[in-house]
PDB file of N, CA and C in Angstrom:
ATOM      1  N   MET A   1     -80.799 -56.902 121.211  1.00  0.00           N
ATOM      2  CA  MET A   1     -81.832 -57.846 120.389  1.00  0.00           C
ATOM      3  C   MET A   1     -81.079 -59.430 120.688  1.00  0.00           C
ATOM      4  N   LYS A   2     -81.938 -60.340 120.510  1.00  0.00           N
ATOM      5  CA  LYS A   2     -81.517 -61.714 120.697  1.00  0.00           C
ATOM      6  C   LYS A   2     -81.446 -62.202 119.390  1.00  0.00           C
ATOM      7  N   HIS A   3     -80.144 -62.904 119.276  1.00  0.00           N
ATOM      8  CA  HIS A   3     -79.722 -63.748 118.092  1.00  0.00           C
ATOM      9  C   HIS A   3     -80.469 -65.067 118.067  1.00  0.00           C
ATOM     10  N   ILE A   4     -81.099 -65.452 117.002  1.00  0.00           N
ATOM     11  CA  ILE A   4     -81.680 -66.658 116.730  1.00  0.00           C
ATOM     12  C   ILE A   4     -80.724 -67.103 115.814  1.00  0.00           C
ATOM     13  N   THR A   5     -80.030 -68.510 116.075  1.00  0.00           N
ATOM     14  CA  THR A   5     -79.061 -68.895 115.323  1.00  0.00           C
ATOM     15  C   THR A   5     -79.754 -69.993 114.388  1.00  0.00           C
ATOM     16  N   SER A   6     -79.129 -70.393 113.411  1.00  0.00           N
ATOM     17  CA  SER A   6     -79.656 -71.589 112.219  1.00  0.00           C
ATOM     18  C   SER A   6     -79.681 -72.772 112.802  1.00  0.00           C
ATOM     19  N   ASP A   7     -78.912 -73.158 114.178  1.00  0.00           N
ATOM     20  CA  ASP A   7     -79.116 -74.343 114.735  1.00  0.00           C
ATOM     21  C   ASP A   7     -80.667 -74.189 115.534  1.00  0.00           C
ATOM     22  N   GLN A   8     -81.021 -73.154 115.984  1.00  0.00           N
ATOM     23  CA  GLN A   8     -82.167 -72.760 116.478  1.00  0.00           C
ATOM     24  C   GLN A   8     -83.410 -73.008 115.705  1.00  0.00           C
ATOM     25  N   MET A   9     -83.210 -72.570 114.618  1.00  0.00           N
ATOM     26  CA  MET A   9     -84.387 -72.181 113.507  1.00  0.00           C
ATOM     27  C   MET A   9     -83.836 -72.266 112.240  1.00  0.00           C
ATOM     28  N   TRP A  10     -84.248 -73.168 111.382  1.00  0.00           N
ATOM     29  CA  TRP A  10     -83.856 -73.063 109.984  1.00  0.00           C
ATOM     30  C   TRP A  10     -84.962 -73.609 109.256  1.00  0.00           C
ATOM     31  N   PRO A  11     -85.349 -73.078 108.191  1.00  0.00           N
ATOM     32  CA  PRO A  11     -85.213 -71.660 107.814  1.00  0.00           C
ATOM     33  C   PRO A  11     -86.286 -70.594 108.960  1.00  0.00           C
ATOM     34  N   PRO A  12     -85.827 -69.543 108.597  1.00  0.00           N
ATOM     35  CA  PRO A  12     -86.482 -68.349 109.356  1.00  0.00           C
ATOM     36  C   PRO A  12     -87.828 -68.282 108.514  1.00  0.00           C
ATOM     37  N   PRO A  13     -88.703 -67.886 109.465  1.00  0.00           N
ATOM     38  CA  PRO A  13     -90.299 -68.055 108.831  1.00  0.00           C
ATOM     39  C   PRO A  13     -90.327 -66.874 107.714  1.00  0.00           C
ATOM     40  N   ASP A  14     -90.909 -67.205 106.811  1.00  0.00           N
ATOM     41  CA  ASP A  14     -91.313 -66.270 105.760  1.00  0.00           C
ATOM     42  C   ASP A  14     -91.767 -64.865 106.295  1.00  0.00           C
ATOM     43  N   ASP A  15     -92.428 -64.543 107.009  1.00  0.00           N
ATOM     44  CA  ASP A  15     -93.020 -63.329 107.715  1.00  0.00           C
ATOM     45  C   ASP A  15     -91.703 -62.511 108.364  1.00  0.00           C
ATOM     46  N   TRP A  16     -90.694 -63.166 108.458  1.00  0.00           N
ATOM     47  CA  TRP A  16     -89.617 -62.200 108.999  1.00  0.00           C
ATOM     48  C   TRP A  16     -89.310 -61.243 108.160  1.00  0.00           C
ATOM     49  N   GLU A  17     -88.858 -59.828 108.333  1.00  0.00           N
ATOM     50  CA  GLU A  17     -88.546 -58.917 107.415  1.00  0.00           C
ATOM     51  C   GLU A  17     -87.016 -59.182 107.017  1.00  0.00           C
ATOM     52  N   GLU A  18     -86.563 -59.209 105.960  1.00  0.00           N
ATOM     53  CA  GLU A  18     -85.259 -59.463 105.518  1.00  0.00           C
ATOM     54  C   GLU A  18     -84.476 -58.052 105.232  1.00  0.00           C
ATOM     55  N   VAL A  19     -83.296 -57.986 105.638  1.00  0.00           N
ATOM     56  CA  VAL A  19     -82.561 -56.847 105.421  1.00  0.00           C
ATOM     57  C   VAL A  19     -81.363 -57.287 104.789  1.00  0.00           C
ATOM     58  N   VAL A  20     -80.770 -57.049 103.560  1.00  0.00           N
ATOM     59  CA  VAL A  20     -79.572 -57.521 103.192  1.00  0.00           C
ATOM     60  C   VAL A  20     -78.339 -56.376 103.015  1.00  0.00           C
ATOM     61  N   ILE A  21     -77.232 -56.795 103.482  1.00  0.00           N
ATOM     62  CA  ILE A  21     -76.131 -55.762 103.448  1.00  0.00           C
ATOM     63  C   ILE A  21     -75.175 -56.535 102.527  1.00  0.00           C
ATOM     64  N   LEU A  22     -74.682 -56.153 101.288  1.00  0.00           N
ATOM     65  CA  LEU A  22     -73.837 -56.771 100.386  1.00  0.00           C
ATOM     66  C   LEU A  22     -72.402 -56.492 100.528  1.00  0.00           C
ATOM     67  N   TRP A  23     -71.537 -57.414 100.534  1.00  0.00           N
ATOM     68  CA  TRP A  23     -70.087 -57.113 100.635  1.00  0.00           C
ATOM     69  C   TRP A  23     -69.511 -56.017  99.857  1.00  0.00           C
ATOM     70  N   GLU A  24     -70.214 -55.812  98.835  1.00  0.00           N
ATOM     71  CA  GLU A  24     -69.727 -54.649  97.896  1.00  0.00           C
ATOM     72  C   GLU A  24     -69.939 -53.334  98.981  1.00  0.00           C
ATOM     73  N   ASP A  25     -71.103 -53.445  99.510  1.00  0.00           N
ATOM     74  CA  ASP A  25     -71.219 -51.985 100.476  1.00  0.00           C
ATOM     75  C   ASP A  25     -70.435 -51.898 101.746  1.00  0.00           C
ATOM     76  N   ILE A  26     -70.018 -53.078 102.154  1.00  0.00           N
ATOM     77  CA  ILE A  26     -69.245 -53.328 103.081  1.00  0.00           C
ATOM     78  C   ILE A  26     -67.651 -52.955 102.748  1.00  0.00           C
ATOM     79  N   MET A  27     -67.249 -53.385 101.500  1.00  0.00           N
ATOM     80  CA  MET A  27     -65.934 -53.158 101.146  1.00  0.00           C
ATOM     81  C   MET A  27     -65.652 -51.775 100.910  1.00  0.00           C
ATOM     82  N   ARG A  28     -66.624 -50.753 100.510  1.00  0.00           N
ATOM     83  CA  ARG A  28     -66.543 -49.611 100.239  1.00  0.00           C
ATOM     84  C   ARG A  28     -66.126 -48.539 101.335  1.00  0.00           C
ATOM     85  N   THR A  29     -66.030 -49.338 102.537  1.00  0.00           N
ATOM     86  CA  THR A  29     -65.295 -48.748 103.584  1.00  0.00           C
ATOM     87  C   THR A  29     -63.880 -49.030 103.949  1.00  0.00           C
ATOM     88  N   GLY A  30     -63.352 -50.061 103.038  1.00  0.00           N
ATOM     89  CA  GLY A  30     -62.115 -50.105 102.973  1.00  0.00           C
ATOM     90  C   GLY A  30     -61.499 -51.372 104.195  1.00  0.00           C
ATOM     91  N   SER A  31     -62.448 -51.580 104.962  1.00  0.00           N
ATOM     92  CA  SER A  31     -62.265 -52.697 105.747  1.00  0.00           C
ATOM     93  C   SER A  31     -63.172 -53.560 105.974  1.00  0.00           C
ATOM     94  N   ARG A  32     -63.312 -54.653 107.254  1.00  0.00           N
ATOM     95  CA  ARG A  32     -64.142 -55.585 107.329  1.00  0.00           C
ATOM     96  C   ARG A  32     -65.069 -54.959 108.674  1.00  0.00           C
ATOM     97  N   LEU A  33     -64.476 -53.904 109.269  1.00  0.00           N
ATOM     98  CA  LEU A  33     -64.925 -53.188 110.677  1.00  0.00           C
ATOM     99  C   LEU A  33     -66.321 -53.082 110.420  1.00  0.00           C
ATOM    100  N   PRO A  34     -67.121 -52.396 109.349  1.00  0.00           N
ATOM    101  CA  PRO A  34     -68.469 -52.354 109.673  1.00  0.00           C
ATOM    102  C   PRO A  34     -69.113 -53.616 110.174  1.00  0.00           C
ATOM    103  N   ILE A  35     -68.743 -54.738 109.632  1.00  0.00           N
ATOM    104  CA  ILE A  35     -69.666 -55.988 109.928  1.00  0.00           C
ATOM    105  C   ILE A  35     -69.368 -56.183 111.554  1.00  0.00           C
ATOM    106  N   ASN A  36     -68.445 -55.997 112.249  1.00  0.00           N
ATOM    107  CA  ASN A  36     -68.045 -55.953 113.603  1.00  0.00           C
ATOM    108  C   ASN A  36     -68.849 -55.312 114.161  1.00  0.00           C
ATOM    109  N   GLN A  37     -69.046 -53.820 113.801  1.00  0.00           N
ATOM    110  CA  GLN A  37     -69.602 -52.814 114.204  1.00  0.00           C
ATOM    111  C   GLN A  37     -71.147 -53.115 114.450  1.00  0.00           C
ATOM    112  N   ILE A  38     -71.700 -53.863 113.188  1.00  0.00           N
ATOM    113  CA  ILE A  38     -73.132 -54.105 113.087  1.00  0.00           C
ATOM    114  C   ILE A  38     -73.491 -55.308 114.159  1.00  0.00           C
ATOM    115  N   LEU A  39     -72.656 -56.301 114.268  1.00  0.00           N
ATOM    116  CA  LEU A  39     -72.811 -57.094 115.401  1.00  0.00           C
ATOM    117  C   LEU A  39     -72.934 -56.612 116.498  1.00  0.00           C
ATOM    118  N   GLU A  40     -71.923 -55.814 116.841  1.00  0.00           N
ATOM    119  CA  GLU A  40     -72.043 -55.279 118.342  1.00  0.00           C
ATOM    120  C   GLU A  40     -73.064 -54.359 118.452  1.00  0.00           C
ATOM    121  N   TRP A  41     -73.620 -53.711 117.617  1.00  0.00           N
ATOM    122  CA  TRP A  41     -74.680 -53.007 117.658  1.00  0.00           C
ATOM    123  C   TRP A  41     -76.069 -53.772 118.005  1.00  0.00           C
ATOM    124  N   LEU A  42     -76.054 -54.629 117.304  1.00  0.00           N
ATOM    125  CA  LEU A  42     -77.185 -55.747 117.460  1.00  0.00           C
ATOM    126  C   LEU A  42     -77.360 -56.266 118.758  1.00  0.00           C
ATOM    127  N   GLU A  43     -76.054 -56.576 119.261  1.00  0.00           N
ATOM    128  CA  GLU A  43     -76.047 -57.297 120.896  1.00  0.00           C
ATOM    129  C   GLU A  43     -76.498 -56.406 121.566  1.00  0.00           C
ATOM    130  N   THR A  44     -76.751 -55.101 121.361  1.00  0.00           N
ATOM    131  CA  THR A  44     -77.125 -54.153 122.503  1.00  0.00           C
ATOM    132  C   THR A  44     -78.485 -53.297 122.417  1.00  0.00           C
ATOM    133  N   ALA A  45     -78.652 -53.460 121.059  1.00  0.00           N
ATOM    134  CA  ALA A  45     -79.805 -52.651 120.255  1.00  0.00           C
ATOM    135  C   ALA A  45     -81.152 -53.262 121.067  1.00  0.00           C
ATOM    136  N   PRO A  46     -81.999 -52.087 121.600  1.00  0.00           N
ATOM    137  CA  PRO A  46     -83.343 -52.846 121.893  1.00  0.00           C
ATOM    138  C   PRO A  46     -84.295 -53.462 120.803  1.00  0.00           C
ATOM    139  N   GLY A  47     -85.212 -54.173 120.984  1.00  0.00           N
ATOM    140  CA  GLY A  47     -85.955 -55.060 120.082  1.00  0.00           C
ATOM    141  C   GLY A  47     -86.134 -56.268 120.316  1.00  0.00           C
ATOM    142  N   GLY A  48     -86.536 -57.046 119.318  1.00  0.00           N
ATOM    143  CA  GLY A  48     -86.781 -58.608 119.432  1.00  0.00           C
ATOM    144  C   GLY A  48     -85.686 -59.493 118.983  1.00  0.00           C
ATOM    145  N   GLU A  49     -86.154 -60.374 118.050  1.00  0.00           N
ATOM    146  CA  GLU A  49     -85.099 -61.581 117.610  1.00  0.00           C
ATOM    147  C   GLU A  49     -84.643 -61.241 116.382  1.00  0.00           C
ATOM    148  N   TYR A  50     -83.588 -61.603 115.872  1.00  0.00           N
ATOM    149  CA  TYR A  50     -82.980 -61.440 114.618  1.00  0.00           C
ATOM    150  C   TYR A  50     -82.267 -62.821 114.193  1.00  0.00           C
ATOM    151  N   HIS A  51     -81.875 -63.051 112.954  1.00  0.00           N
ATOM    152  CA  HIS A  51     -81.489 -64.083 112.409  1.00  0.00           C
ATOM    153  C   HIS A  51     -80.408 -63.568 111.348  1.00  0.00           C
ATOM    154  N   LEU A  52     -79.352 -64.135 111.345  1.00  0.00           N
ATOM    155  CA  LEU A  52     -78.323 -63.894 110.389  1.00  0.00           C
ATOM    156  C   LEU A  52     -77.679 -64.968 109.783  1.00  0.00           C
ATOM    157  N   HIS A  53     -77.794 -64.842 108.268  1.00  0.00           N
ATOM    158  CA  HIS A  53     -77.287 -65.959 107.320  1.00  0.00           C
ATOM    159  C   HIS A  53     -76.453 -65.240 106.305  1.00  0.00           C
ATOM    160  N   GLY A  54     -75.527 -66.027 105.550  1.00  0.00           N
ATOM    161  CA  GLY A  54     -75.074 -65.638 104.418  1.00  0.00           C
ATOM    162  C   GLY A  54     -76.000 -65.356 103.216  1.00  0.00           C
ATOM    163  N   PHE A  55     -75.817 -64.243 102.333  1.00  0.00           N
ATOM    164  CA  PHE A  55     -76.851 -64.152 101.391  1.00  0.00           C
ATOM    165  C   PHE A  55     -76.093 -64.365  99.974  1.00  0.00           C
ATOM    166  N   GLU A  56     -76.723 -65.453  99.317  1.00  0.00           N
ATOM    167  CA  GLU A  56     -76.300 -65.747  98.075  1.00  0.00           C
ATOM    168  C   GLU A  56     -74.912 -66.451  98.128  1.00  0.00           C
ATOM    169  N   SER A  57     -74.846 -67.322  99.189  1.00  0.00           N
ATOM    170  CA  SER A  57     -73.619 -67.989  99.517  1.00  0.00           C
ATOM    171  C   SER A  57     -72.445 -66.713  99.933  1.00  0.00           C
ATOM    172  N   THR A  58     -72.063 -65.856  98.834  1.00  0.00           N
ATOM    173  CA  THR A  58     -70.721 -65.083  99.013  1.00  0.00           C
ATOM    174  C   THR A  58     -71.023 -63.558  98.764  1.00  0.00           C
ATOM    175  N   GLU A  59     -72.351 -63.339  98.674  1.00  0.00           N
ATOM    176  CA  GLU A  59     -72.735 -61.872  98.402  1.00  0.00           C
ATOM    177  C   GLU A  59     -72.754 -60.828  99.619  1.00  0.00           C
ATOM    178  N   GLY A  60     -73.024 -61.601 100.774  1.00  0.00           N
ATOM    179  CA  GLY A  60     -73.394 -60.487 101.744  1.00  0.00           C
ATOM    180  C   GLY A  60     -73.880 -61.205 102.935  1.00  0.00           C
ATOM    181  N   PHE A  61     -74.763 -60.349 103.478  1.00  0.00           N
ATOM    182  CA  PHE A  61     -75.293 -61.039 104.874  1.00  0.00           C
ATOM    183  C   PHE A  61     -76.831 -60.634 104.656  1.00  0.00           C
ATOM    184  N   SER A  62     -77.548 -61.722 105.017  1.00  0.00           N
ATOM    185  CA  SER A  62     -79.112 -61.488 105.245  1.00  0.00           C
ATOM    186  C   SER A  62     -79.577 -61.265 106.611  1.00  0.00           C
ATOM    187  N   PHE A  63     -79.863 -60.366 107.229  1.00  0.00           N
ATOM    188  CA  PHE A  63     -80.402 -60.161 108.397  1.00  0.00           C
ATOM    189  C   PHE A  63     -81.989 -60.162 108.386  1.00  0.00           C
ATOM    190  N   ARG A  64     -82.569 -61.198 109.118  1.00  0.00           N
ATOM    191  CA  ARG A  64     -83.885 -61.047 109.269  1.00  0.00           C
ATOM    192  C   ARG A  64     -84.295 -60.873 110.482  1.00  0.00           C
ATOM    193  N   PHE A  65     -85.693 -60.182 110.662  1.00  0.00           N
ATOM    194  CA  PHE A  65     -85.929 -59.704 112.192  1.00  0.00           C
ATOM    195  C   PHE A  65     -87.487 -59.730 112.156  1.00  0.00           C
ATOM    196  N   ARG A  66     -87.815 -60.566 113.350  1.00  0.00           N
ATOM    197  CA  ARG A  66     -89.074 -61.006 113.771  1.00  0.00           C
ATOM    198  C   ARG A  66     -90.125 -59.638 113.655  1.00  0.00           C
ATOM    199  N   ASN A  67     -89.618 -58.631 114.319  1.00  0.00           N
ATOM    200  CA  ASN A  67     -90.485 -57.442 114.106  1.00  0.00           C
ATOM    201  C   ASN A  67     -90.153 -56.520 112.992  1.00  0.00           C
ATOM    202  N   PRO A  68     -90.849 -56.128 112.030  1.00  0.00           N
ATOM    203  CA  PRO A  68     -90.638 -55.268 111.193  1.00  0.00           C
ATOM    204  C   PRO A  68     -90.112 -53.767 111.466  1.00  0.00           C
ATOM    205  N   ALA A  69     -90.687 -53.422 112.813  1.00  0.00           N
ATOM    206  CA  ALA A  69     -89.960 -52.289 113.259  1.00  0.00           C
ATOM    207  C   ALA A  69     -88.341 -52.245 113.621  1.00  0.00           C
ATOM    208  N   ASP A  70     -88.062 -53.533 113.903  1.00  0.00           N
ATOM    209  CA  ASP A  70     -86.515 -53.850 114.081  1.00  0.00           C
ATOM    210  C   ASP A  70     -85.884 -53.753 112.719  1.00  0.00           C
ATOM    211  N   ALA A  71     -86.396 -54.189 111.841  1.00  0.00           N
ATOM    212  CA  ALA A  71     -85.847 -54.096 110.453  1.00  0.00           C
ATOM    213  C   ALA A  71     -85.780 -52.599 110.061  1.00  0.00           C
ATOM    214  N   THR A  72     -86.625 -52.031 110.025  1.00  0.00           N
ATOM    215  CA  THR A  72     -86.665 -50.553 109.931  1.00  0.00           C
ATOM    216  C   THR A  72     -85.622 -49.671 110.490  1.00  0.00           C
ATOM    217  N   HIS A  73     -85.443 -50.158 111.971  1.00  0.00           N
ATOM    218  CA  HIS A  73     -84.445 -49.413 113.005  1.00  0.00           C
ATOM    219  C   HIS A  73     -82.967 -49.698 112.128  1.00  0.00           C
ATOM    220  N   PHE A  74     -82.907 -50.929 112.004  1.00  0.00           N
ATOM    221  CA  PHE A  74     -81.915 -51.537 111.316  1.00  0.00           C
ATOM    222  C   PHE A  74     -81.326 -51.001 109.998  1.00  0.00           C
ATOM    223  N   ARG A  75     -82.153 -50.796 109.332  1.00  0.00           N
ATOM    224  CA  ARG A  75     -82.002 -50.070 108.038  1.00  0.00           C
ATOM    225  C   ARG A  75     -81.567 -48.657 107.881  1.00  0.00           C
ATOM    226  N   LEU A  76     -82.408 -47.928 109.009  1.00  0.00           N
ATOM    227  CA  LEU A  76     -82.129 -46.631 109.175  1.00  0.00           C
ATOM    228  C   LEU A  76     -80.583 -46.344 109.693  1.00  0.00           C
ATOM    229  N   ARG A  77     -80.324 -47.399 110.381  1.00  0.00           N
ATOM    230  CA  ARG A  77     -78.758 -47.238 111.141  1.00  0.00           C
ATOM    231  C   ARG A  77     -77.487 -47.539 110.086  1.00  0.00           C
ATOM    232  N   TRP A  78     -78.041 -48.591 109.392  1.00  0.00           N
ATOM    233  CA  TRP A  78     -76.882 -49.145 108.669  1.00  0.00           C
ATOM    234  C   TRP A  78     -76.956 -49.097 106.996  1.00  0.00           C
ATOM    235  N   LEU A  79     -77.899 -48.748 106.519  1.00  0.00           N
ATOM    236  CA  LEU A  79     -77.908 -48.431 105.046  1.00  0.00           C
ATOM    237  C   LEU A  79     -78.006 -46.988 104.446  1.00  0.00           C
TER     238      LEU A  79
END
């Protein structure tokens, strides 16, 4: 998938599908490794565009996807 940065577009359009992963969920594994795995997976996963931003400053990560099917694929893989 293609990462769209905040420099390229802010805010992301309202019609993009949001998926939130909380730090609480990440820390359950005992390491920060899952976020690195998620980012690596996104680089090679088929699909369209996504945007990544902090969720509620320190609560976790907000992933937004242009294509709702990409958001569903992401949820099935990581949540």
